[in-house]
């Protein structure tokens, strides 16, 4: 909910403290942990896991050209 009520400057100021408080080196690992915790809390009896690809990149011409 903070993202909806605080300005970008306020969020940028808070970020380093949140990372330190939760012992995370960056926002990627923090958001990953948050997502995994939410899935764990709300999955009920459904077996599941969170999978994140190691590399995500856009492509205009390589490795495969985009057909428009």
C-alpha atoms as a PDB file:
ATOM      1  CA  UNK A   1       0.000   0.000   0.000  1.00  0.00           C
ATOM      2  CA  UNK A   2       2.957   2.340   0.465  1.00  0.00           C
ATOM      3  CA  UNK A   3       3.400   2.549  -3.291  1.00  0.00           C
ATOM      4  CA  UNK A   4      -0.044   4.042  -3.641  1.00  0.00           C
ATOM      5  CA  UNK A   5       0.335   6.690  -0.948  1.00  0.00           C
ATOM      6  CA  UNK A   6       4.004   7.732  -1.031  1.00  0.00           C
ATOM      7  CA  UNK A   7       5.826   9.762  -3.660  1.00  0.00           C
ATOM      8  CA  UNK A   8       8.643   8.319  -5.768  1.00  0.00           C
ATOM      9  CA  UNK A   9      11.177  10.316  -3.755  1.00  0.00           C
ATOM     10  CA  UNK A  10       9.816   8.948  -0.474  1.00  0.00           C
ATOM     11  CA  UNK A  11       9.933   5.386  -1.801  1.00  0.00           C
ATOM     12  CA  UNK A  12      13.522   5.841  -2.998  1.00  0.00           C
ATOM     13  CA  UNK A  13      14.471   7.113   0.452  1.00  0.00           C
ATOM     14  CA  UNK A  14      12.847   4.098   2.142  1.00  0.00           C
ATOM     15  CA  UNK A  15      14.303   1.430  -0.155  1.00  0.00           C
ATOM     16  CA  UNK A  16      17.802   1.130   1.369  1.00  0.00           C
ATOM     17  CA  UNK A  17      16.334   0.835   4.870  1.00  0.00           C
ATOM     18  CA  UNK A  18      13.832  -1.828   3.786  1.00  0.00           C
ATOM     19  CA  UNK A  19      16.601  -3.830   2.123  1.00  0.00           C
ATOM     20  CA  UNK A  20      18.746  -3.585   5.251  1.00  0.00           C
ATOM     21  CA  UNK A  21      15.844  -4.441   7.566  1.00  0.00           C
ATOM     22  CA  UNK A  22      14.973  -7.572   5.577  1.00  0.00           C
ATOM     23  CA  UNK A  23      18.626  -8.509   4.939  1.00  0.00           C
ATOM     24  CA  UNK A  24      18.309  -8.365   1.159  1.00  0.00           C
ATOM     25  CA  UNK A  25      21.060  -7.125  -1.182  1.00  0.00           C
ATOM     26  CA  UNK A  26      18.661  -5.640  -3.764  1.00  0.00           C
ATOM     27  CA  UNK A  27      15.024  -5.113  -4.682  1.00  0.00           C
ATOM     28  CA  UNK A  28      14.994  -8.221  -6.913  1.00  0.00           C
ATOM     29  CA  UNK A  29      15.647 -10.548  -3.972  1.00  0.00           C
ATOM     30  CA  UNK A  30      13.228  -8.609  -1.759  1.00  0.00           C
ATOM     31  CA  UNK A  31      10.330  -8.834  -4.219  1.00  0.00           C
ATOM     32  CA  UNK A  32      11.119 -12.503  -4.858  1.00  0.00           C
ATOM     33  CA  UNK A  33      10.899 -13.230  -1.127  1.00  0.00           C
ATOM     34  CA  UNK A  34       7.644 -11.272  -0.837  1.00  0.00           C
ATOM     35  CA  UNK A  35       6.087 -13.181  -3.749  1.00  0.00           C
ATOM     36  CA  UNK A  36       7.172 -16.541  -2.344  1.00  0.00           C
ATOM     37  CA  UNK A  37       5.737 -15.672   1.079  1.00  0.00           C
ATOM     38  CA  UNK A  38       2.400 -14.586  -0.425  1.00  0.00           C
ATOM     39  CA  UNK A  39       2.140 -17.800  -2.439  1.00  0.00           C
ATOM     40  CA  UNK A  40       2.981 -19.842   0.657  1.00  0.00           C
ATOM     41  CA  UNK A  41       0.341 -18.073   2.756  1.00  0.00           C
ATOM     42  CA  UNK A  42      -2.476 -18.267   0.189  1.00  0.00           C
ATOM     43  CA  UNK A  43      -1.891 -21.550  -1.647  1.00  0.00           C
ATOM     44  CA  UNK A  44      -3.986 -23.667   0.694  1.00  0.00           C
ATOM     45  CA  UNK A  45      -3.447 -27.376  -0.098  1.00  0.00           C
ATOM     46  CA  UNK A  46      -2.250 -26.745  -3.660  1.00  0.00           C
ATOM     47  CA  UNK A  47       1.386 -27.747  -4.215  1.00  0.00           C
ATOM     48  CA  UNK A  48       3.165 -24.908  -5.998  1.00  0.00           C
ATOM     49  CA  UNK A  49       6.429 -23.061  -6.494  1.00  0.00           C
ATOM     50  CA  UNK A  50       7.633 -19.681  -7.720  1.00  0.00           C
ATOM     51  CA  UNK A  51       9.890 -19.871 -10.762  1.00  0.00           C
ATOM     52  CA  UNK A  52      11.760 -16.870 -12.104  1.00  0.00           C
ATOM     53  CA  UNK A  53      13.847 -17.066 -15.263  1.00  0.00           C
ATOM     54  CA  UNK A  54      17.511 -16.164 -14.891  1.00  0.00           C
ATOM     55  CA  UNK A  55      17.530 -13.851 -17.905  1.00  0.00           C
ATOM     56  CA  UNK A  56      14.729 -11.799 -19.390  1.00  0.00           C
ATOM     57  CA  UNK A  57      15.504  -9.629 -22.387  1.00  0.00           C
ATOM     58  CA  UNK A  58      13.644  -7.960 -25.191  1.00  0.00           C
ATOM     59  CA  UNK A  59      14.369  -8.767 -28.800  1.00  0.00           C
ATOM     60  CA  UNK A  60      14.004  -6.646 -31.918  1.00  0.00           C
ATOM     61  CA  UNK A  61      16.088  -8.570 -34.447  1.00  0.00           C
ATOM     62  CA  UNK A  62      18.098 -11.182 -32.584  1.00  0.00           C
ATOM     63  CA  UNK A  63      17.994 -14.018 -31.797  1.00  0.00           C
ATOM     64  CA  UNK A  64      14.678 -14.167 -33.667  1.00  0.00           C
ATOM     65  CA  UNK A  65      13.191 -11.304 -35.712  1.00  0.00           C
ATOM     66  CA  UNK A  66       9.768 -10.136 -34.663  1.00  0.00           C
ATOM     67  CA  UNK A  67       7.039 -10.723 -37.271  1.00  0.00           C
ATOM     68  CA  UNK A  68       4.696  -7.758 -37.401  1.00  0.00           C
END
